[in-house]
C-alpha atoms as a PDB file:
ATOM      1  CA  MET A   1     116.754 113.758 100.748  1.00  0.00           C
ATOM      2  CA  LEU A   2     115.590 111.739 103.722  1.00  0.00           C
ATOM      3  CA  SER A   3     114.940 113.619 106.902  1.00  0.00           C
ATOM      4  CA  SER A   4     116.375 112.461 110.187  1.00  0.00           C
ATOM      5  CA  SER A   5     112.814 111.720 111.314  1.00  0.00           C
ATOM      6  CA  GLU A   6     112.505 108.954 108.685  1.00  0.00           C
ATOM      7  CA  PRO A   7     112.615 105.434 110.139  1.00  0.00           C
ATOM      8  CA  ALA A   8     115.789 103.552 109.280  1.00  0.00           C
ATOM      9  CA  VAL A   9     115.616 101.555 106.060  1.00  0.00           C
ATOM     10  CA  SER A  10     116.705  97.929 106.343  1.00  0.00           C
ATOM     11  CA  SER A  11     120.011  97.133 104.635  1.00  0.00           C
ATOM     12  CA  HIS A  12     118.031  94.407 102.827  1.00  0.00           C
ATOM     13  CA  TYR A  13     116.680  97.154 100.555  1.00  0.00           C
ATOM     14  CA  LEU A  14     120.076  98.724  99.903  1.00  0.00           C
ATOM     15  CA  LYS A  15     121.543  95.696  98.115  1.00  0.00           C
ATOM     16  CA  MET A  16     120.983  95.127  94.411  1.00  0.00           C
ATOM     17  CA  PRO A  17     119.275  91.831  93.599  1.00  0.00           C
ATOM     18  CA  HIS A  18     121.338  89.220  91.779  1.00  0.00           C
ATOM     19  CA  ALA A  19     120.906  88.980  88.036  1.00  0.00           C
ATOM     20  CA  GLY A  20     122.688  86.196  86.231  1.00  0.00           C
ATOM     21  CA  LYS A  21     124.649  86.909  83.088  1.00  0.00           C
ATOM     22  CA  GLY A  22     122.434  87.280  80.051  1.00  0.00           C
ATOM     23  CA  LEU A  23     119.196  87.953  81.951  1.00  0.00           C
ATOM     24  CA  ALA A  24     116.927  90.723  80.693  1.00  0.00           C
ATOM     25  CA  VAL A  25     116.264  93.002  83.676  1.00  0.00           C
ATOM     26  CA  GLY A  26     113.856  95.951  83.666  1.00  0.00           C
ATOM     27  CA  LEU A  27     113.781  98.821  86.156  1.00  0.00           C
ATOM     28  CA  PHE A  28     110.441 100.156  87.406  1.00  0.00           C
ATOM     29  CA  GLY A  29     110.983 103.366  89.334  1.00  0.00           C
ATOM     30  CA  GLY A  30     108.601 105.565  91.234  1.00  0.00           C
ATOM     31  CA  SER A  31     107.596 106.854  94.626  1.00  0.00           C
ATOM     32  CA  PHE A  32     104.873 104.181  94.931  1.00  0.00           C
ATOM     33  CA  ASN A  33     102.900 106.334  97.340  1.00  0.00           C
ATOM     34  CA  PRO A  34     101.158 104.011  97.937  1.00  0.00           C
ATOM     35  CA  PRO A  35     101.937 100.986  95.788  1.00  0.00           C
ATOM     36  CA  HIS A  36      98.718  99.511  94.390  1.00  0.00           C
ATOM     37  CA  ALA A  37      97.253  96.964  91.993  1.00  0.00           C
ATOM     38  CA  GLY A  38      97.771  99.330  89.048  1.00  0.00           C
ATOM     39  CA  HIS A  39     101.527  99.252  89.666  1.00  0.00           C
ATOM     40  CA  ALA A  40     101.418  95.454  89.799  1.00  0.00           C
ATOM     41  CA  LEU A  41      99.494  95.343  86.509  1.00  0.00           C
ATOM     42  CA  VAL A  42     102.030  97.616  84.774  1.00  0.00           C
ATOM     43  CA  ALA A  43     104.835  95.403  86.120  1.00  0.00           C
ATOM     44  CA  GLU A  44     103.160  92.229  84.811  1.00  0.00           C
ATOM     45  CA  ILE A  45     102.575  93.770  81.385  1.00  0.00           C
ATOM     46  CA  ALA A  46     106.187  94.989  81.181  1.00  0.00           C
ATOM     47  CA  LEU A  47     107.492  91.525  82.065  1.00  0.00           C
ATOM     48  CA  ARG A  48     105.433  89.940  79.274  1.00  0.00           C
ATOM     49  CA  ARG A  49     105.658  92.532  76.521  1.00  0.00           C
ATOM     50  CA  LEU A  50     109.355  93.270  76.988  1.00  0.00           C
ATOM     51  CA  ALA A  51     110.219  89.590  77.543  1.00  0.00           C
ATOM     52  CA  LEU A  52     111.979  90.435  80.802  1.00  0.00           C
ATOM     53  CA  ASP A  53     113.401  87.794  83.099  1.00  0.00           C
ATOM     54  CA  GLN A  54     113.178  90.134  86.098  1.00  0.00           C
ATOM     55  CA  LEU A  55     111.669  93.530  86.891  1.00  0.00           C
ATOM     56  CA  TRP A  56     113.207  95.425  89.783  1.00  0.00           C
ATOM     57  CA  TRP A  57     111.028  97.935  91.619  1.00  0.00           C
ATOM     58  CA  MET A  58     113.091 101.010  92.516  1.00  0.00           C
ATOM     59  CA  VAL A  59     111.209 102.919  95.222  1.00  0.00           C
ATOM     60  CA  THR A  60     112.499 106.485  95.265  1.00  0.00           C
ATOM     61  CA  PRO A  61     112.996 108.305  98.556  1.00  0.00           C
ATOM     62  CA  GLY A  62     111.427 111.460  97.149  1.00  0.00           C
ATOM     63  CA  ASN A  63     109.637 112.951  94.182  1.00  0.00           C
ATOM     64  CA  PRO A  64     110.500 116.437  92.912  1.00  0.00           C
ATOM     65  CA  LEU A  65     106.910 116.838  91.707  1.00  0.00           C
ATOM     66  CA  LYS A  66     105.351 116.146  95.113  1.00  0.00           C
ATOM     67  CA  SER A  67     105.699 117.719  98.520  1.00  0.00           C
ATOM     68  CA  ALA A  68     107.728 115.608 100.956  1.00  0.00           C
ATOM     69  CA  ARG A  69     104.805 115.949 103.380  1.00  0.00           C
ATOM     70  CA  GLU A  70     102.609 114.046 100.904  1.00  0.00           C
ATOM     71  CA  LEU A  71     104.899 111.004 100.889  1.00  0.00           C
ATOM     72  CA  ALA A  72     104.582 108.138 103.336  1.00  0.00           C
ATOM     73  CA  PRO A  73     107.902 107.227 104.978  1.00  0.00           C
ATOM     74  CA  LEU A  74     110.274 105.390 102.635  1.00  0.00           C
ATOM     75  CA  ALA A  75     110.462 102.333 104.908  1.00  0.00           C
ATOM     76  CA  GLU A  76     106.661 102.007 104.780  1.00  0.00           C
ATOM     77  CA  ARG A  77     106.524 102.363 100.976  1.00  0.00           C
ATOM     78  CA  LEU A  78     109.270  99.734 100.601  1.00  0.00           C
ATOM     79  CA  ARG A  79     107.409  97.321 102.870  1.00  0.00           C
ATOM     80  CA  LEU A  80     104.101  97.894 101.089  1.00  0.00           C
ATOM     81  CA  SER A  81     105.724  97.455  97.660  1.00  0.00           C
ATOM     82  CA  GLU A  82     106.794  93.953  98.627  1.00  0.00           C
ATOM     83  CA  GLN A  83     103.165  93.086  99.403  1.00  0.00           C
ATOM     84  CA  VAL A  84     101.771  94.174  96.010  1.00  0.00           C
END
């Protein structure tokens, strides 16, 4: 759950991307705390090996295996994920 101290997340991130009929779409979920080149490499390999047309990164607001204090704010992790 997001705390009230979290910066607001842009509505841009709350809309599902468009996927045309018949496209193969993969979902890549994680906390991405922080997103890094290893995540990008896994994404590239998944696109190729699974013959995906698109791979959507799903940045989770929390991780039950990590303390909330260890996570950067969701808005920051979303922004950084776009730069990877």
